[in-house]
Amino acid sequence: MPQRIAIIDDERSVRSGLCNLLQSEGYVTEAFDSAEVFLSHPTILGEVALIVADVRLRGMTGIEMLDKLHLIASPCPPVIFISGHADDNLQRYAIGQGAVAFLRKPINVEVLLAHIQRALAP
């Protein structure tokens, strides 16, 4: 059964592009335009194997979402952050909070896929 990946980004074009890319690689994707919508989905935490999320989202940030995930999900699914506005301090903080990767936009597709494969490896 294909592994399900949640894509959380408030830019429709980014959500669509990532969904298309990951589906072409054999993953099942589910897209959300905010952390709040993702977290309010009744069954999503039991269904996703990995989360790809923008750091700067409208409302709750990606970092705040990761903090909340640590409180409500056991175990917390792996999270890969993407950002077009990141700095080194934010990157270090995200990795320190448990993110498996922090990628800057524009995203290098090969690097993203390598991180996903590593995070989902048995």
N, C-alpha and C. Protein backbone atom coordinates (compact mmCIF):
# COMPACT_ATOMS: atom_id res chain seq x y z
N MET A 1 0.85 -1.19 0.00
CA MET A 1 0.00 0.00 0.00
C MET A 1 0.89 1.25 0.00
N PRO A 2 0.61 2.21 -0.89
CA PRO A 2 1.45 3.41 -0.95
C PRO A 2 1.40 4.20 0.35
N GLN A 3 2.52 4.84 0.65
CA GLN A 3 2.57 5.66 1.86
C GLN A 3 1.96 7.02 1.58
N ARG A 4 1.19 7.52 2.56
CA ARG A 4 0.47 8.79 2.42
C ARG A 4 1.33 9.92 3.01
N ILE A 5 1.44 10.99 2.23
CA ILE A 5 2.20 12.16 2.63
C ILE A 5 1.27 13.37 2.65
N ALA A 6 1.27 14.09 3.76
CA ALA A 6 0.49 15.33 3.87
C ALA A 6 1.36 16.49 3.40
N ILE A 7 0.77 17.32 2.56
CA ILE A 7 1.43 18.54 2.07
C ILE A 7 0.67 19.71 2.68
N ILE A 8 1.38 20.57 3.43
CA ILE A 8 0.74 21.71 4.06
C ILE A 8 1.46 22.97 3.60
N ASP A 9 0.77 23.75 2.79
CA ASP A 9 1.33 25.01 2.29
C ASP A 9 0.17 25.91 1.91
N ASP A 10 0.29 27.20 2.20
CA ASP A 10 -0.81 28.11 1.88
C ASP A 10 -0.76 28.60 0.44
N GLU A 11 0.23 28.20 -0.33
CA GLU A 11 0.30 28.54 -1.75
C GLU A 11 -0.21 27.37 -2.57
N ARG A 12 -1.30 27.60 -3.27
CA ARG A 12 -1.93 26.53 -4.07
C ARG A 12 -0.95 25.91 -5.06
N SER A 13 -0.13 26.73 -5.72
CA SER A 13 0.79 26.21 -6.73
C SER A 13 1.83 25.27 -6.11
N VAL A 14 2.28 25.59 -4.91
CA VAL A 14 3.25 24.72 -4.22
C VAL A 14 2.58 23.40 -3.84
N ARG A 15 1.37 23.48 -3.26
CA ARG A 15 0.64 22.26 -2.91
C ARG A 15 0.45 21.37 -4.12
N SER A 16 -0.02 21.97 -5.19
CA SER A 16 -0.29 21.21 -6.41
C SER A 16 0.98 20.60 -6.99
N GLY A 17 2.03 21.38 -7.06
CA GLY A 17 3.29 20.88 -7.60
C GLY A 17 3.87 19.74 -6.79
N LEU A 18 3.86 19.88 -5.47
CA LEU A 18 4.38 18.81 -4.62
C LEU A 18 3.51 17.56 -4.71
N CYS A 19 2.20 17.74 -4.73
CA CYS A 19 1.30 16.58 -4.86
C CYS A 19 1.57 15.84 -6.16
N ASN A 20 1.68 16.58 -7.27
CA ASN A 20 1.94 15.95 -8.57
C ASN A 20 3.27 15.21 -8.57
N LEU A 21 4.30 15.85 -8.03
CA LEU A 21 5.62 15.23 -7.97
C LEU A 21 5.59 13.93 -7.16
N LEU A 22 5.03 14.00 -5.97
CA LEU A 22 5.05 12.83 -5.08
C LEU A 22 4.14 11.72 -5.60
N GLN A 23 3.02 12.07 -6.22
CA GLN A 23 2.16 11.05 -6.81
C GLN A 23 2.88 10.35 -7.97
N SER A 24 3.67 11.10 -8.74
CA SER A 24 4.42 10.49 -9.83
C SER A 24 5.49 9.53 -9.31
N GLU A 25 5.86 9.69 -8.04
CA GLU A 25 6.83 8.80 -7.41
C GLU A 25 6.16 7.63 -6.69
N GLY A 26 4.83 7.57 -6.77
CA GLY A 26 4.11 6.45 -6.19
C GLY A 26 3.53 6.67 -4.80
N TYR A 27 3.63 7.89 -4.29
CA TYR A 27 3.07 8.19 -2.98
C TYR A 27 1.62 8.66 -3.13
N VAL A 28 0.86 8.50 -2.09
CA VAL A 28 -0.48 9.06 -2.00
C VAL A 28 -0.33 10.37 -1.24
N THR A 29 -0.96 11.44 -1.72
CA THR A 29 -0.82 12.73 -1.05
C THR A 29 -2.17 13.27 -0.64
N GLU A 30 -2.12 14.10 0.37
CA GLU A 30 -3.31 14.84 0.80
C GLU A 30 -2.83 16.26 1.10
N ALA A 31 -3.47 17.25 0.50
CA ALA A 31 -3.03 18.63 0.61
C ALA A 31 -3.91 19.43 1.55
N PHE A 32 -3.27 20.33 2.29
CA PHE A 32 -3.96 21.21 3.25
C PHE A 32 -3.40 22.62 3.08
N ASP A 33 -4.28 23.63 3.21
CA ASP A 33 -3.81 25.00 3.04
C ASP A 33 -3.43 25.67 4.36
N SER A 34 -3.57 24.96 5.47
CA SER A 34 -3.15 25.52 6.76
C SER A 34 -2.90 24.40 7.75
N ALA A 35 -2.13 24.72 8.77
CA ALA A 35 -1.88 23.75 9.85
C ALA A 35 -3.16 23.46 10.60
N GLU A 36 -4.01 24.47 10.76
CA GLU A 36 -5.27 24.28 11.49
C GLU A 36 -6.18 23.28 10.77
N VAL A 37 -6.29 23.39 9.45
CA VAL A 37 -7.12 22.46 8.69
C VAL A 37 -6.55 21.05 8.81
N PHE A 38 -5.24 20.93 8.70
CA PHE A 38 -4.59 19.62 8.84
C PHE A 38 -4.90 19.02 10.21
N LEU A 39 -4.67 19.79 11.26
CA LEU A 39 -4.84 19.27 12.62
C LEU A 39 -6.30 18.99 12.97
N SER A 40 -7.22 19.65 12.28
CA SER A 40 -8.64 19.43 12.58
C SER A 40 -9.22 18.22 11.82
N HIS A 41 -8.47 17.68 10.89
CA HIS A 41 -8.94 16.50 10.15
C HIS A 41 -9.05 15.34 11.13
N PRO A 42 -10.19 14.67 11.19
CA PRO A 42 -10.43 13.70 12.26
C PRO A 42 -9.52 12.46 12.26
N THR A 43 -9.03 12.04 11.09
CA THR A 43 -8.25 10.79 11.07
C THR A 43 -6.86 10.93 10.48
N ILE A 44 -6.48 12.12 10.08
CA ILE A 44 -5.26 12.28 9.29
C ILE A 44 -4.00 11.82 10.02
N LEU A 45 -3.90 12.06 11.31
CA LEU A 45 -2.66 11.68 12.00
C LEU A 45 -2.42 10.18 11.99
N GLY A 46 -3.49 9.41 11.94
CA GLY A 46 -3.33 7.96 11.85
C GLY A 46 -3.08 7.48 10.44
N GLU A 47 -3.20 8.36 9.47
CA GLU A 47 -3.10 7.97 8.07
C GLU A 47 -1.80 8.40 7.38
N VAL A 48 -1.14 9.44 7.89
CA VAL A 48 0.04 9.95 7.18
C VAL A 48 1.32 9.32 7.71
N ALA A 49 2.21 9.06 6.77
CA ALA A 49 3.52 8.52 7.12
C ALA A 49 4.55 9.63 7.23
N LEU A 50 4.24 10.81 6.63
CA LEU A 50 5.20 11.91 6.60
C LEU A 50 4.45 13.19 6.28
N ILE A 51 4.99 14.31 6.76
CA ILE A 51 4.41 15.63 6.51
C ILE A 51 5.47 16.51 5.85
N VAL A 52 5.08 17.18 4.77
CA VAL A 52 5.91 18.23 4.16
C VAL A 52 5.15 19.53 4.38
N ALA A 53 5.75 20.45 5.13
CA ALA A 53 5.03 21.67 5.51
C ALA A 53 5.89 22.91 5.33
N ASP A 54 5.23 23.97 4.90
CA ASP A 54 5.88 25.29 4.85
C ASP A 54 6.05 25.77 6.29
N VAL A 55 7.10 26.53 6.52
CA VAL A 55 7.32 27.07 7.86
C VAL A 55 6.40 28.25 8.11
N ARG A 56 6.28 29.12 7.12
CA ARG A 56 5.44 30.33 7.27
C ARG A 56 4.08 30.06 6.65
N LEU A 57 3.14 29.76 7.48
CA LEU A 57 1.76 29.55 7.06
C LEU A 57 0.90 30.65 7.65
N ARG A 58 -0.24 30.91 7.02
CA ARG A 58 -1.19 31.84 7.64
C ARG A 58 -1.72 31.19 8.91
N GLY A 59 -1.89 31.95 9.95
CA GLY A 59 -2.35 31.37 11.21
C GLY A 59 -1.20 30.68 11.91
N MET A 60 -1.42 29.43 12.31
CA MET A 60 -0.40 28.64 13.01
C MET A 60 0.78 28.38 12.06
N THR A 61 1.99 28.63 12.55
CA THR A 61 3.17 28.38 11.73
C THR A 61 3.48 26.88 11.70
N GLY A 62 4.34 26.50 10.78
CA GLY A 62 4.77 25.11 10.73
C GLY A 62 5.46 24.66 12.00
N ILE A 63 6.26 25.54 12.59
CA ILE A 63 6.96 25.22 13.84
C ILE A 63 5.95 25.02 14.97
N GLU A 64 4.95 25.89 15.06
CA GLU A 64 3.91 25.73 16.09
C GLU A 64 3.15 24.43 15.88
N MET A 65 2.92 24.07 14.61
CA MET A 65 2.24 22.81 14.33
C MET A 65 3.08 21.63 14.80
N LEU A 66 4.38 21.67 14.56
CA LEU A 66 5.25 20.58 15.01
C LEU A 66 5.21 20.46 16.53
N ASP A 67 5.26 21.59 17.23
CA ASP A 67 5.17 21.55 18.69
C ASP A 67 3.86 20.89 19.13
N LYS A 68 2.76 21.24 18.47
CA LYS A 68 1.46 20.65 18.81
C LYS A 68 1.44 19.15 18.48
N LEU A 69 2.03 18.78 17.37
CA LEU A 69 2.08 17.36 17.00
C LEU A 69 2.78 16.52 18.07
N HIS A 70 3.85 17.08 18.64
CA HIS A 70 4.56 16.37 19.70
C HIS A 70 3.66 16.11 20.91
N LEU A 71 2.69 17.00 21.12
CA LEU A 71 1.78 16.85 22.24
C LEU A 71 0.64 15.87 21.98
N ILE A 72 0.21 15.78 20.72
CA ILE A 72 -1.00 15.00 20.42
C ILE A 72 -0.76 13.71 19.65
N ALA A 73 0.41 13.54 19.06
CA ALA A 73 0.66 12.35 18.24
C ALA A 73 1.82 11.55 18.82
N SER A 74 1.57 10.29 18.99
CA SER A 74 2.63 9.43 19.50
C SER A 74 2.63 8.13 18.70
N PRO A 75 3.59 7.93 17.87
CA PRO A 75 4.71 8.84 17.59
C PRO A 75 4.31 9.94 16.60
N CYS A 76 5.07 10.99 16.62
CA CYS A 76 4.85 12.11 15.69
C CYS A 76 5.39 11.69 14.31
N PRO A 77 4.59 11.87 13.24
CA PRO A 77 5.13 11.54 11.92
C PRO A 77 6.33 12.43 11.59
N PRO A 78 7.26 11.94 10.78
CA PRO A 78 8.39 12.78 10.38
C PRO A 78 7.90 14.02 9.64
N VAL A 79 8.58 15.13 9.85
CA VAL A 79 8.21 16.40 9.22
C VAL A 79 9.41 16.94 8.45
N ILE A 80 9.15 17.30 7.19
CA ILE A 80 10.14 18.00 6.38
C ILE A 80 9.59 19.41 6.18
N PHE A 81 10.38 20.40 6.58
CA PHE A 81 9.97 21.79 6.39
C PHE A 81 10.53 22.34 5.10
N ILE A 82 9.73 23.20 4.47
CA ILE A 82 10.18 23.96 3.31
C ILE A 82 9.92 25.43 3.60
N SER A 83 10.78 26.29 3.06
CA SER A 83 10.59 27.71 3.32
C SER A 83 11.30 28.56 2.28
N GLY A 84 10.65 29.63 1.92
CA GLY A 84 11.27 30.62 1.05
C GLY A 84 11.81 31.80 1.82
N HIS A 85 11.63 31.81 3.15
CA HIS A 85 12.00 32.96 3.97
C HIS A 85 12.81 32.56 5.19
N ALA A 86 13.48 31.45 5.12
CA ALA A 86 14.12 30.92 6.32
C ALA A 86 15.48 31.55 6.57
N ASP A 87 15.87 31.51 7.82
CA ASP A 87 17.23 31.89 8.17
C ASP A 87 17.85 30.71 8.92
N ASP A 88 19.15 30.80 9.16
CA ASP A 88 19.86 29.69 9.79
C ASP A 88 19.35 29.39 11.19
N ASN A 89 18.97 30.42 11.96
CA ASN A 89 18.47 30.18 13.32
C ASN A 89 17.16 29.40 13.29
N LEU A 90 16.27 29.74 12.38
CA LEU A 90 15.00 29.03 12.25
C LEU A 90 15.25 27.58 11.83
N GLN A 91 16.17 27.39 10.91
CA GLN A 91 16.52 26.04 10.46
C GLN A 91 17.05 25.20 11.61
N ARG A 92 17.97 25.75 12.39
CA ARG A 92 18.53 25.02 13.55
C ARG A 92 17.43 24.70 14.56
N TYR A 93 16.54 25.64 14.80
CA TYR A 93 15.45 25.42 15.75
C TYR A 93 14.55 24.28 15.28
N ALA A 94 14.17 24.32 14.01
CA ALA A 94 13.28 23.28 13.47
C ALA A 94 13.91 21.89 13.58
N ILE A 95 15.16 21.78 13.23
CA ILE A 95 15.85 20.49 13.32
C ILE A 95 15.96 20.08 14.79
N GLY A 96 16.23 21.03 15.66
CA GLY A 96 16.30 20.75 17.09
C GLY A 96 14.97 20.28 17.67
N GLN A 97 13.86 20.71 17.06
CA GLN A 97 12.53 20.29 17.50
C GLN A 97 12.10 18.97 16.87
N GLY A 98 12.96 18.40 16.04
CA GLY A 98 12.66 17.07 15.51
C GLY A 98 12.36 16.98 14.03
N ALA A 99 12.39 18.09 13.30
CA ALA A 99 12.18 18.02 11.85
C ALA A 99 13.30 17.19 11.24
N VAL A 100 12.96 16.36 10.25
CA VAL A 100 13.98 15.52 9.63
C VAL A 100 14.78 16.28 8.58
N ALA A 101 14.22 17.38 8.06
CA ALA A 101 14.94 18.19 7.08
C ALA A 101 14.31 19.57 7.02
N PHE A 102 15.08 20.51 6.51
CA PHE A 102 14.63 21.88 6.34
C PHE A 102 15.17 22.34 4.99
N LEU A 103 14.29 22.47 4.01
CA LEU A 103 14.71 22.79 2.65
C LEU A 103 14.24 24.17 2.26
N ARG A 104 15.11 24.89 1.60
CA ARG A 104 14.77 26.24 1.15
C ARG A 104 14.18 26.19 -0.26
N LYS A 105 13.15 27.05 -0.48
CA LYS A 105 12.56 27.18 -1.81
C LYS A 105 13.48 28.03 -2.67
N PRO A 106 13.63 27.78 -3.94
CA PRO A 106 13.01 26.68 -4.68
C PRO A 106 13.63 25.35 -4.25
N ILE A 107 12.79 24.35 -4.16
CA ILE A 107 13.19 23.06 -3.63
C ILE A 107 13.93 22.25 -4.69
N ASN A 108 15.06 21.68 -4.28
CA ASN A 108 15.77 20.73 -5.13
C ASN A 108 15.01 19.41 -5.01
N VAL A 109 14.38 18.98 -6.10
CA VAL A 109 13.51 17.81 -6.09
C VAL A 109 14.26 16.55 -5.66
N GLU A 110 15.47 16.38 -6.16
CA GLU A 110 16.24 15.17 -5.81
C GLU A 110 16.55 15.13 -4.32
N VAL A 111 16.88 16.27 -3.75
CA VAL A 111 17.16 16.33 -2.31
C VAL A 111 15.90 16.02 -1.51
N LEU A 112 14.77 16.60 -1.93
CA LEU A 112 13.50 16.33 -1.25
C LEU A 112 13.18 14.84 -1.29
N LEU A 113 13.26 14.24 -2.47
CA LEU A 113 12.94 12.82 -2.60
C LEU A 113 13.87 11.95 -1.77
N ALA A 114 15.14 12.31 -1.71
CA ALA A 114 16.09 11.55 -0.89
C ALA A 114 15.72 11.63 0.59
N HIS A 115 15.34 12.81 1.07
CA HIS A 115 14.92 12.95 2.46
C HIS A 115 13.67 12.14 2.74
N ILE A 116 12.73 12.15 1.81
CA ILE A 116 11.48 11.39 1.99
C ILE A 116 11.80 9.89 2.05
N GLN A 117 12.60 9.42 1.13
CA GLN A 117 12.96 8.00 1.12
C GLN A 117 13.64 7.59 2.42
N ARG A 118 14.55 8.42 2.90
CA ARG A 118 15.25 8.12 4.16
C ARG A 118 14.29 8.11 5.35
N ALA A 119 13.40 9.10 5.38
CA ALA A 119 12.46 9.21 6.52
C ALA A 119 11.47 8.06 6.54
N LEU A 120 11.12 7.53 5.37
CA LEU A 120 10.12 6.47 5.29
C LEU A 120 10.72 5.08 5.24
N ALA A 121 12.03 5.00 5.21
CA ALA A 121 12.68 3.67 5.15
C ALA A 121 12.33 2.86 6.40
N PRO A 122 12.08 1.56 6.22
CA PRO A 122 11.72 0.73 7.38
C PRO A 122 12.86 0.56 8.37
